[in-house]
Amino acid sequence: MIVLDEVQENILLIQQYGRPDYILTAGYINQGEAAEQTVAREIMEELGLTTTSIRFNKSQYYPGSNTLMLNFVVTTSGPVQPNHEIDHWQWFSKSEAQGAIKPNSLAQEFLNYFLQQTSY
């Protein structure tokens, strides 16, 4: 998910599992759960943020795990209260996020697509 702050000016990127790269928040859909429900649940579980809006961004097949990845843009509110899955998090301006996100990754593709669709 591309997690935006309340005013939609900054993007939250995370680091997980001892890796140094900044990535997007992600999660898995539970059986019987709609994708949009998953987005709000994962944002709350991992970051402690309330989701105020969700919109679809892009999908892409990821051969590494034989998975169709769905990406959403999420506006959030509240203080970040990460759970044990998050090693570090940081808000970045949109242009800073482009430079900070893991290069040559699906996360970078999703972020670049979002930024191309919006003016900032």
Foldseek 3Di string as FASTA:
>chain_A
DFEAEQVRFWTKWFDFDPDPATFHQDDDADPPGDPVRVVQVSCCQAWVWGWDDKDWQDWDQDVVVRDIDTDIYTYTYDHTDGDPGTPDMDIDGLVVCLVRHDPPDVRNVSSVSVPVVDDD
